C-alpha atoms as a PDB file:
ATOM      1  CA  MET A   1    -152.147 -12.789 281.412  1.00  0.00           C
ATOM      2  CA  ARG A   2    -151.149 -12.998 277.997  1.00  0.00           C
ATOM      3  CA  ARG A   3    -153.486 -12.078 274.987  1.00  0.00           C
ATOM      4  CA  ILE A   4    -153.728 -14.276 272.665  1.00  0.00           C
ATOM      5  CA  ALA A   5    -155.592 -14.136 269.048  1.00  0.00           C
ATOM      6  CA  VAL A   6    -155.839 -16.682 266.157  1.00  0.00           C
ATOM      7  CA  VAL A   7    -156.812 -14.998 262.371  1.00  0.00           C
ATOM      8  CA  PRO A   8    -158.217 -18.529 260.707  1.00  0.00           C
ATOM      9  CA  GLY A   9    -158.264 -19.208 257.055  1.00  0.00           C
ATOM     10  CA  SER A  10    -158.196 -21.591 254.143  1.00  0.00           C
ATOM     11  CA  PHE A  11    -155.337 -18.436 252.375  1.00  0.00           C
ATOM     12  CA  ASP A  12    -155.423 -20.299 249.328  1.00  0.00           C
ATOM     13  CA  PRO A  13    -153.408 -17.996 248.387  1.00  0.00           C
ATOM     14  CA  ILE A  14    -153.521 -14.878 251.813  1.00  0.00           C
ATOM     15  CA  THR A  15    -153.797 -11.642 249.708  1.00  0.00           C
ATOM     16  CA  LEU A  16    -153.397  -8.353 250.644  1.00  0.00           C
ATOM     17  CA  GLY A  17    -156.620  -8.286 252.365  1.00  0.00           C
ATOM     18  CA  HIS A  18    -155.719 -11.256 254.752  1.00  0.00           C
ATOM     19  CA  LEU A  19    -152.401  -9.423 254.992  1.00  0.00           C
ATOM     20  CA  ASP A  20    -154.242  -5.986 256.263  1.00  0.00           C
ATOM     21  CA  VAL A  21    -156.254  -7.899 258.924  1.00  0.00           C
ATOM     22  CA  ILE A  22    -152.983  -9.325 259.936  1.00  0.00           C
ATOM     23  CA  GLU A  23    -150.863  -6.391 260.334  1.00  0.00           C
ATOM     24  CA  ARG A  24    -153.567  -4.768 261.861  1.00  0.00           C
ATOM     25  CA  ALA A  25    -154.488  -7.423 264.582  1.00  0.00           C
ATOM     26  CA  ALA A  26    -150.587  -7.744 265.584  1.00  0.00           C
ATOM     27  CA  PRO A  27    -150.437  -5.125 267.984  1.00  0.00           C
ATOM     28  CA  LEU A  28    -153.350  -5.179 269.243  1.00  0.00           C
ATOM     29  CA  TYR A  29    -152.151  -8.889 270.630  1.00  0.00           C
ATOM     30  CA  ASP A  30    -149.407 -10.198 272.544  1.00  0.00           C
ATOM     31  CA  GLU A  31    -149.225 -12.843 270.410  1.00  0.00           C
ATOM     32  CA  LEU A  32    -151.123 -13.539 267.029  1.00  0.00           C
ATOM     33  CA  HIS A  33    -151.545 -17.124 265.247  1.00  0.00           C
ATOM     34  CA  VAL A  34    -152.314 -16.998 261.439  1.00  0.00           C
ATOM     35  CA  VAL A  35    -154.052 -20.655 261.110  1.00  0.00           C
ATOM     36  CA  VAL A  36    -154.083 -22.308 257.495  1.00  0.00           C
ATOM     37  CA  VAL A  37    -157.187 -24.313 258.005  1.00  0.00           C
ATOM     38  CA  HIS A  38    -158.843 -26.879 255.751  1.00  0.00           C
ATOM     39  CA  ASN A  39    -162.101 -25.946 254.381  1.00  0.00           C
ATOM     40  CA  PRO A  40    -163.447 -28.879 252.897  1.00  0.00           C
ATOM     41  CA  ASP A  41    -166.183 -27.358 250.989  1.00  0.00           C
ATOM     42  CA  LYS A  42    -163.248 -25.382 248.670  1.00  0.00           C
ATOM     43  CA  GLU A  43    -161.269 -27.232 246.464  1.00  0.00           C
ATOM     44  CA  ALA A  44    -157.202 -26.102 247.611  1.00  0.00           C
ATOM     45  CA  LEU A  45    -154.831 -24.882 244.541  1.00  0.00           C
ATOM     46  CA  LEU A  46    -151.874 -25.102 247.232  1.00  0.00           C
ATOM     47  CA  PRO A  47    -150.823 -27.714 249.504  1.00  0.00           C
ATOM     48  CA  ILE A  48    -151.390 -26.180 253.230  1.00  0.00           C
ATOM     49  CA  ALA A  49    -147.805 -26.393 253.467  1.00  0.00           C
ATOM     50  CA  GLN A  50    -146.851 -23.864 250.995  1.00  0.00           C
ATOM     51  CA  ARG A  51    -149.412 -21.577 252.085  1.00  0.00           C
ATOM     52  CA  VAL A  52    -147.975 -21.456 255.362  1.00  0.00           C
ATOM     53  CA  SER A  53    -144.852 -20.802 253.915  1.00  0.00           C
ATOM     54  CA  LEU A  54    -146.654 -17.985 251.854  1.00  0.00           C
ATOM     55  CA  ILE A  55    -147.940 -16.114 254.903  1.00  0.00           C
ATOM     56  CA  GLU A  56    -144.503 -16.814 256.715  1.00  0.00           C
ATOM     57  CA  SER A  57    -142.971 -15.101 253.745  1.00  0.00           C
ATOM     58  CA  ALA A  58    -145.674 -12.105 253.611  1.00  0.00           C
ATOM     59  CA  VAL A  59    -145.672 -11.198 257.056  1.00  0.00           C
ATOM     60  CA  LYS A  60    -141.394 -11.316 257.033  1.00  0.00           C
ATOM     61  CA  ASP A  61    -141.651  -8.895 253.876  1.00  0.00           C
ATOM     62  CA  GLY A  62    -144.357  -7.065 255.278  1.00  0.00           C
ATOM     63  CA  GLY A  63    -142.244  -6.244 258.678  1.00  0.00           C
ATOM     64  CA  VAL A  64    -145.383  -7.485 260.959  1.00  0.00           C
ATOM     65  CA  GLY A  65    -143.800  -7.363 264.722  1.00  0.00           C
ATOM     66  CA  GLY A  66    -142.170 -10.876 265.806  1.00  0.00           C
ATOM     67  CA  ASN A  67    -145.577 -11.816 267.906  1.00  0.00           C
ATOM     68  CA  VAL A  68    -147.021 -13.758 264.444  1.00  0.00           C
ATOM     69  CA  VAL A  69    -146.984 -17.267 264.861  1.00  0.00           C
ATOM     70  CA  VAL A  70    -148.042 -19.298 261.433  1.00  0.00           C
ATOM     71  CA  ALA A  71    -149.556 -22.356 261.785  1.00  0.00           C
ATOM     72  CA  SER A  72    -151.763 -24.916 260.086  1.00  0.00           C
ATOM     73  CA  TRP A  73    -154.765 -27.019 261.674  1.00  0.00           C
ATOM     74  CA  SER A  74    -156.446 -29.648 260.640  1.00  0.00           C
ATOM     75  CA  VAL A  75    -157.503 -32.029 263.190  1.00  0.00           C
ATOM     76  CA  GLY A  76    -160.525 -31.061 265.380  1.00  0.00           C
ATOM     77  CA  LEU A  77    -162.218 -27.545 265.532  1.00  0.00           C
ATOM     78  CA  LEU A  78    -160.550 -24.547 265.788  1.00  0.00           C
ATOM     79  CA  VAL A  79    -161.860 -23.847 269.464  1.00  0.00           C
ATOM     80  CA  ASP A  80    -159.639 -26.625 270.105  1.00  0.00           C
ATOM     81  CA  TYR A  81    -156.380 -24.669 269.019  1.00  0.00           C
ATOM     82  CA  CYS A  82    -157.575 -21.909 269.954  1.00  0.00           C
ATOM     83  CA  THR A  83    -157.709 -23.657 273.869  1.00  0.00           C
ATOM     84  CA  ASP A  84    -154.493 -25.288 272.582  1.00  0.00           C
ATOM     85  CA  VAL A  85    -152.810 -22.364 272.168  1.00  0.00           C
ATOM     86  CA  GLY A  86    -154.865 -19.716 275.445  1.00  0.00           C
ATOM     87  CA  ALA A  87    -155.967 -17.852 272.716  1.00  0.00           C
ATOM     88  CA  SER A  88    -159.719 -16.096 273.588  1.00  0.00           C
ATOM     89  CA  VAL A  89    -160.588 -14.314 270.286  1.00  0.00           C
ATOM     90  CA  LEU A  90    -160.662 -15.439 266.900  1.00  0.00           C
ATOM     91  CA  ILE A  91    -160.252 -12.220 264.240  1.00  0.00           C
ATOM     92  CA  LYS A  92    -162.259 -12.271 260.828  1.00  0.00           C
ATOM     93  CA  GLY A  93    -162.243  -9.824 258.291  1.00  0.00           C
ATOM     94  CA  ILE A  94    -165.380  -8.606 256.926  1.00  0.00           C
ATOM     95  CA  ARG A  95    -165.784  -7.540 253.340  1.00  0.00           C
ATOM     96  CA  SER A  96    -169.525  -7.599 252.731  1.00  0.00           C
ATOM     97  CA  GLN A  97    -172.933  -8.344 254.264  1.00  0.00           C
ATOM     98  CA  VAL A  98    -172.294 -11.899 252.755  1.00  0.00           C
ATOM     99  CA  ASP A  99    -169.634 -12.424 255.254  1.00  0.00           C
ATOM    100  CA  VAL A 100    -171.384 -11.113 258.110  1.00  0.00           C
ATOM    101  CA  ALA A 101    -174.487 -13.513 257.919  1.00  0.00           C
ATOM    102  CA  TYR A 102    -171.968 -16.461 257.003  1.00  0.00           C
ATOM    103  CA  GLU A 103    -169.514 -15.726 260.097  1.00  0.00           C
ATOM    104  CA  THR A 104    -172.095 -14.917 262.339  1.00  0.00           C
ATOM    105  CA  PRO A 105    -173.629 -18.486 263.284  1.00  0.00           C
ATOM    106  CA  MET A 106    -169.645 -19.847 263.386  1.00  0.00           C
ATOM    107  CA  ALA A 107    -168.777 -16.683 265.677  1.00  0.00           C
ATOM    108  CA  ILE A 108    -172.265 -17.721 268.546  1.00  0.00           C
ATOM    109  CA  VAL A 109    -171.709 -21.447 268.088  1.00  0.00           C
ATOM    110  CA  ASN A 110    -167.339 -20.813 269.078  1.00  0.00           C
ATOM    111  CA  ARG A 111    -168.576 -19.018 271.735  1.00  0.00           C
ATOM    112  CA  ASP A 112    -170.690 -21.639 273.395  1.00  0.00           C
ATOM    113  CA  LEU A 113    -168.793 -24.219 273.140  1.00  0.00           C
ATOM    114  CA  ALA A 114    -165.052 -23.062 274.298  1.00  0.00           C
ATOM    115  CA  GLY A 115    -165.848 -19.269 275.722  1.00  0.00           C
ATOM    116  CA  VAL A 116    -163.902 -17.651 272.133  1.00  0.00           C
ATOM    117  CA  GLU A 117    -165.440 -14.531 270.919  1.00  0.00           C
ATOM    118  CA  THR A 118    -164.997 -13.262 267.533  1.00  0.00           C
ATOM    119  CA  VAL A 119    -164.002  -9.756 266.696  1.00  0.00           C
ATOM    120  CA  PHE A 120    -164.474  -8.709 263.117  1.00  0.00           C
ATOM    121  CA  MET A 121    -162.415  -6.062 261.179  1.00  0.00           C
ATOM    122  CA  LEU A 122    -163.759  -4.100 258.458  1.00  0.00           C
ATOM    123  CA  PRO A 123    -161.300  -4.091 255.602  1.00  0.00           C
ATOM    124  CA  ASN A 124    -159.236  -1.594 253.762  1.00  0.00           C
ATOM    125  CA  PRO A 125    -161.069   0.065 250.875  1.00  0.00           C
ATOM    126  CA  ALA A 126    -158.402  -0.776 248.755  1.00  0.00           C
ATOM    127  CA  HIS A 127    -158.782  -4.563 249.477  1.00  0.00           C
ATOM    128  CA  ALA A 128    -162.017  -5.200 249.996  1.00  0.00           C
ATOM    129  CA  HIS A 129    -163.027  -6.354 246.518  1.00  0.00           C
ATOM    130  CA  VAL A 130    -159.881  -9.414 246.413  1.00  0.00           C
ATOM    131  CA  SER A 131    -160.180 -13.117 247.587  1.00  0.00           C
ATOM    132  CA  SER A 132    -158.715 -15.562 246.729  1.00  0.00           C
ATOM    133  CA  SER A 133    -160.764 -18.021 244.625  1.00  0.00           C
ATOM    134  CA  LEU A 134    -160.441 -14.091 242.517  1.00  0.00           C
ATOM    135  CA  VAL A 135    -156.644 -14.618 242.649  1.00  0.00           C
ATOM    136  CA  ARG A 136    -156.692 -18.652 242.261  1.00  0.00           C
ATOM    137  CA  GLN A 137    -159.606 -17.307 238.755  1.00  0.00           C
ATOM    138  CA  VAL A 138    -157.183 -14.462 237.417  1.00  0.00           C
ATOM    139  CA  ALA A 139    -153.663 -16.530 238.209  1.00  0.00           C
ATOM    140  CA  ALA A 140    -155.007 -19.530 235.863  1.00  0.00           C
ATOM    141  CA  LEU A 141    -156.765 -17.188 232.929  1.00  0.00           C
ATOM    142  CA  GLY A 142    -152.903 -16.178 233.120  1.00  0.00           C
ATOM    143  CA  GLY A 143    -153.945 -12.279 234.516  1.00  0.00           C
ATOM    144  CA  ASP A 144    -151.509 -10.450 236.671  1.00  0.00           C
ATOM    145  CA  VAL A 145    -151.914 -10.969 239.881  1.00  0.00           C
ATOM    146  CA  THR A 146    -149.877  -8.530 241.999  1.00  0.00           C
ATOM    147  CA  PRO A 147    -151.685  -6.241 242.432  1.00  0.00           C
ATOM    148  CA  TYR A 148    -153.625  -7.888 245.439  1.00  0.00           C
ATOM    149  CA  VAL A 149    -151.355 -10.439 246.747  1.00  0.00           C
ATOM    150  CA  PRO A 150    -147.833  -9.930 248.434  1.00  0.00           C
ATOM    151  CA  GLN A 151    -145.391  -9.940 246.425  1.00  0.00           C
ATOM    152  CA  ALA A 152    -143.840 -13.715 247.966  1.00  0.00           C
ATOM    153  CA  VAL A 153    -147.517 -14.780 246.446  1.00  0.00           C
ATOM    154  CA  ALA A 154    -146.776 -13.231 243.134  1.00  0.00           C
ATOM    155  CA  GLY A 155    -143.935 -14.526 242.526  1.00  0.00           C
ATOM    156  CA  PHE A 156    -144.889 -17.665 243.524  1.00  0.00           C
ATOM    157  CA  LEU A 157    -147.843 -17.932 241.646  1.00  0.00           C
ATOM    158  CA  ASN A 158    -146.088 -16.541 238.386  1.00  0.00           C
ATOM    159  CA  ALA A 159    -143.612 -19.344 238.614  1.00  0.00           C
ATOM    160  CA  SER A 160    -145.907 -21.874 238.479  1.00  0.00           C
END
């Protein structure tokens, strides 16, 4: 039986913290789907297609194995995507107790709805303070985001 997991997120934009979770999760599964999902509570900076493209570049540039699939999902529940691709696990990066409190109810509901378990991965301490929101704010104010994002993202944001 193939072990398939999903790393969901808005990835607006993908950060080095996100990439760290992807790089560490990829060898644990036969197939790892990195899925850009729409978050109705956030106003997006980048269109979903651009986020997918930047993730593909970051994964390729980072040398992550060939078992990573990058996709997007905006119709229905995330567990519906998991069911469609045969994934039994969601991987979530957790930076703080705030993230645990936010993610725990969703993990329980995802397990109840579709039997999909959630695995929480702690961050590399070097990236624990980084969020996409922080990167967007620094970029909007003309700051240097290169310490926080993959090279492809930094190049894209600097060109914008």
